C-alpha atoms as a PDB file:
ATOM      1  CA  MET A   1      48.413  46.313 -53.835  1.00  0.00           C
ATOM      2  CA  SER A   2      48.814  44.312 -56.751  1.00  0.00           C
ATOM      3  CA  TYR A   3      46.071  44.023 -59.355  1.00  0.00           C
ATOM      4  CA  LEU A   4      44.668  42.053 -61.542  1.00  0.00           C
ATOM      5  CA  SER A   5      44.011  43.708 -64.688  1.00  0.00           C
ATOM      6  CA  ILE A   6      41.092  42.907 -67.593  1.00  0.00           C
ATOM      7  CA  PHE A   7      41.463  44.107 -71.329  1.00  0.00           C
ATOM      8  CA  ILE A   8      39.024  43.872 -73.641  1.00  0.00           C
ATOM      9  CA  ASN A   9      40.769  44.430 -76.928  1.00  0.00           C
ATOM     10  CA  ASP A  10      43.972  46.248 -75.580  1.00  0.00           C
ATOM     11  CA  GLN A  11      41.788  48.680 -74.084  1.00  0.00           C
ATOM     12  CA  LEU A  12      41.738  48.153 -70.043  1.00  0.00           C
ATOM     13  CA  ALA A  13      38.398  47.934 -68.671  1.00  0.00           C
ATOM     14  CA  PHE A  14      38.367  46.839 -64.949  1.00  0.00           C
ATOM     15  CA  GLU A  15      40.632  46.583 -62.321  1.00  0.00           C
ATOM     16  CA  HIS A  16      40.182  44.149 -59.306  1.00  0.00           C
ATOM     17  CA  ASP A  17      42.549  44.373 -56.263  1.00  0.00           C
ATOM     18  CA  LEU A  18      43.739  41.168 -55.032  1.00  0.00           C
ATOM     19  CA  SER A  19      45.002  42.090 -51.996  1.00  0.00           C
ATOM     20  CA  LYS A  20      41.605  42.141 -50.709  1.00  0.00           C
ATOM     21  CA  SER A  21      40.900  39.164 -48.183  1.00  0.00           C
ATOM     22  CA  LEU A  22      38.341  36.518 -48.590  1.00  0.00           C
ATOM     23  CA  ASP A  23      36.397  35.108 -46.021  1.00  0.00           C
ATOM     24  CA  ALA A  24      35.527  31.451 -45.128  1.00  0.00           C
ATOM     25  CA  ASN A  25      31.913  32.060 -47.017  1.00  0.00           C
ATOM     26  CA  GLN A  26      33.808  33.941 -49.873  1.00  0.00           C
ATOM     27  CA  LEU A  27      36.431  31.217 -50.211  1.00  0.00           C
ATOM     28  CA  ALA A  28      33.890  28.035 -49.740  1.00  0.00           C
ATOM     29  CA  PHE A  29      31.866  30.174 -53.097  1.00  0.00           C
ATOM     30  CA  LEU A  30      34.876  29.708 -54.797  1.00  0.00           C
ATOM     31  CA  ASP A  31      35.005  25.832 -53.569  1.00  0.00           C
ATOM     32  CA  LYS A  32      31.505  25.736 -54.856  1.00  0.00           C
ATOM     33  CA  MET A  33      32.050  26.948 -58.349  1.00  0.00           C
ATOM     34  CA  ASP A  34      34.957  24.521 -58.536  1.00  0.00           C
ATOM     35  CA  GLY A  35      32.770  21.663 -57.941  1.00  0.00           C
ATOM     36  CA  ASP A  36      29.649  22.985 -60.342  1.00  0.00           C
ATOM     37  CA  MET A  37      32.053  23.160 -63.425  1.00  0.00           C
ATOM     38  CA  ASP A  38      33.819  19.975 -62.289  1.00  0.00           C
ATOM     39  CA  ARG A  39      30.342  18.689 -64.177  1.00  0.00           C
ATOM     40  CA  GLY A  40      31.628  19.901 -67.661  1.00  0.00           C
ATOM     41  CA  PHE A  41      30.610  23.182 -69.575  1.00  0.00           C
ATOM     42  CA  ARG A  42      30.629  24.960 -72.846  1.00  0.00           C
ATOM     43  CA  ILE A  43      32.964  27.095 -74.533  1.00  0.00           C
ATOM     44  CA  SER A  44      32.767  28.789 -77.828  1.00  0.00           C
ATOM     45  CA  GLY A  45      29.833  25.688 -78.326  1.00  0.00           C
ATOM     46  CA  GLU A  46      32.799  22.885 -77.382  1.00  0.00           C
ATOM     47  CA  MET A  47      31.721  20.626 -74.541  1.00  0.00           C
ATOM     48  CA  ILE A  48      34.242  20.713 -72.018  1.00  0.00           C
ATOM     49  CA  SER A  49      33.564  17.235 -69.919  1.00  0.00           C
ATOM     50  CA  GLU A  50      36.454  17.305 -67.662  1.00  0.00           C
ATOM     51  CA  PRO A  51      37.880  20.849 -67.337  1.00  0.00           C
ATOM     52  CA  ASP A  52      41.603  21.468 -66.262  1.00  0.00           C
ATOM     53  CA  ALA A  53      42.415  24.466 -64.258  1.00  0.00           C
ATOM     54  CA  LYS A  54      42.818  27.027 -67.357  1.00  0.00           C
ATOM     55  CA  GLN A  55      39.664  25.838 -68.742  1.00  0.00           C
ATOM     56  CA  LYS A  56      37.820  26.747 -65.963  1.00  0.00           C
ATOM     57  CA  ALA A  57      39.596  30.153 -65.628  1.00  0.00           C
ATOM     58  CA  THR A  58      38.758  30.774 -69.298  1.00  0.00           C
ATOM     59  CA  PHE A  59      35.025  29.844 -68.270  1.00  0.00           C
ATOM     60  CA  VAL A  60      34.931  32.331 -66.014  1.00  0.00           C
ATOM     61  CA  ALA A  61      36.997  34.807 -67.615  1.00  0.00           C
ATOM     62  CA  MET A  62      33.919  34.328 -70.052  1.00  0.00           C
ATOM     63  CA  ASN A  63      31.345  34.947 -67.326  1.00  0.00           C
ATOM     64  CA  LEU A  64      33.223  38.297 -66.503  1.00  0.00           C
ATOM     65  CA  LEU A  65      33.327  39.714 -69.924  1.00  0.00           C
ATOM     66  CA  ARG A  66      29.708  39.050 -69.942  1.00  0.00           C
ATOM     67  CA  ALA A  67      29.368  40.850 -65.896  1.00  0.00           C
ATOM     68  CA  LEU A  68      31.248  43.796 -67.230  1.00  0.00           C
ATOM     69  CA  GLN A  69      28.939  44.338 -70.672  1.00  0.00           C
ATOM     70  CA  GLN A  70      25.659  44.063 -67.796  1.00  0.00           C
ATOM     71  CA  GLU A  71      28.054  46.029 -65.139  1.00  0.00           C
ATOM     72  CA  ASP A  72      26.808  43.527 -62.956  1.00  0.00           C
ATOM     73  CA  ASP A  73      29.330  44.368 -59.950  1.00  0.00           C
ATOM     74  CA  ALA A  74      29.138  41.208 -58.011  1.00  0.00           C
ATOM     75  CA  LYS A  75      29.158  38.888 -60.663  1.00  0.00           C
ATOM     76  CA  ILE A  76      32.604  40.745 -61.918  1.00  0.00           C
ATOM     77  CA  ALA A  77      33.853  40.964 -57.878  1.00  0.00           C
ATOM     78  CA  VAL A  78      33.313  37.098 -57.782  1.00  0.00           C
ATOM     79  CA  ALA A  79      34.950  36.266 -61.620  1.00  0.00           C
ATOM     80  CA  CYS A  80      38.127  38.300 -60.313  1.00  0.00           C
ATOM     81  CA  ALA A  81      38.127  36.438 -56.904  1.00  0.00           C
ATOM     82  CA  TYR A  82      38.202  33.388 -58.576  1.00  0.00           C
ATOM     83  CA  ILE A  83      40.856  33.938 -61.169  1.00  0.00           C
ATOM     84  CA  GLY A  84      43.089  35.918 -58.343  1.00  0.00           C
ATOM     85  CA  HIS A  85      42.720  33.124 -56.065  1.00  0.00           C
ATOM     86  CA  ARG A  86      43.402  30.212 -58.787  1.00  0.00           C
ATOM     87  CA  LEU A  87      45.684  31.215 -60.947  1.00  0.00           C
ATOM     88  CA  PRO A  88      47.586  33.287 -58.721  1.00  0.00           C
ATOM     89  CA  HIS A  89      50.262  34.462 -61.116  1.00  0.00           C
ATOM     90  CA  VAL A  90      48.523  35.932 -63.476  1.00  0.00           C
ATOM     91  CA  ILE A  91      47.759  39.631 -63.281  1.00  0.00           C
ATOM     92  CA  GLU A  92      46.198  40.051 -66.600  1.00  0.00           C
ATOM     93  CA  VAL A  93      43.217  38.894 -68.066  1.00  0.00           C
ATOM     94  CA  ARG A  94      43.427  39.201 -71.900  1.00  0.00           C
ATOM     95  CA  ALA A  95      39.814  38.982 -74.157  1.00  0.00           C
ATOM     96  CA  SER A  96      39.921  39.398 -77.944  1.00  0.00           C
ATOM     97  CA  ASP A  97      37.336  39.632 -80.768  1.00  0.00           C
ATOM     98  CA  GLN A  98      38.146  36.984 -83.633  1.00  0.00           C
ATOM     99  CA  GLY A  99      35.533  37.286 -85.501  1.00  0.00           C
ATOM    100  CA  ASP A 100      32.542  34.906 -84.192  1.00  0.00           C
ATOM    101  CA  ARG A 101      34.675  33.887 -80.764  1.00  0.00           C
ATOM    102  CA  ILE A 102      36.495  35.417 -78.017  1.00  0.00           C
ATOM    103  CA  HIS A 103      39.925  34.665 -77.389  1.00  0.00           C
ATOM    104  CA  ILE A 104      41.365  35.109 -73.794  1.00  0.00           C
ATOM    105  CA  GLU A 105      44.789  35.076 -72.674  1.00  0.00           C
ATOM    106  CA  PHE A 106      46.170  34.948 -69.040  1.00  0.00           C
ATOM    107  CA  VAL A 107      49.171  36.945 -68.352  1.00  0.00           C
ATOM    108  CA  GLU A 108      51.456  35.515 -65.606  1.00  0.00           C
ATOM    109  CA  GLU A 109      53.799  38.299 -63.543  1.00  0.00           C
ATOM    110  CA  HIS A 110      57.637  37.596 -64.119  1.00  0.00           C
END
């Protein structure tokens, strides 16, 4: 089994099993998320009008942090599935509080 581990300020906050396969509807939902994000979004007050894959994953990771705080299992699952499928070599998401900003780092398997 492989996992996507989510760390917040160096503390393990959540692990998502990446070996679970997604059905066609779930994959279509990830595609819809991509389409919605293609229109642009804000990260830490900065408008990203033409996001690349890493910026999209960062946006999803920020939403994942919010979902973890709110204990919203559905949003947690979707965010983890998105990161796992769009950045398949990532095994950890590391979020750290840096004053008024959150820094997100993606750690890939070696």
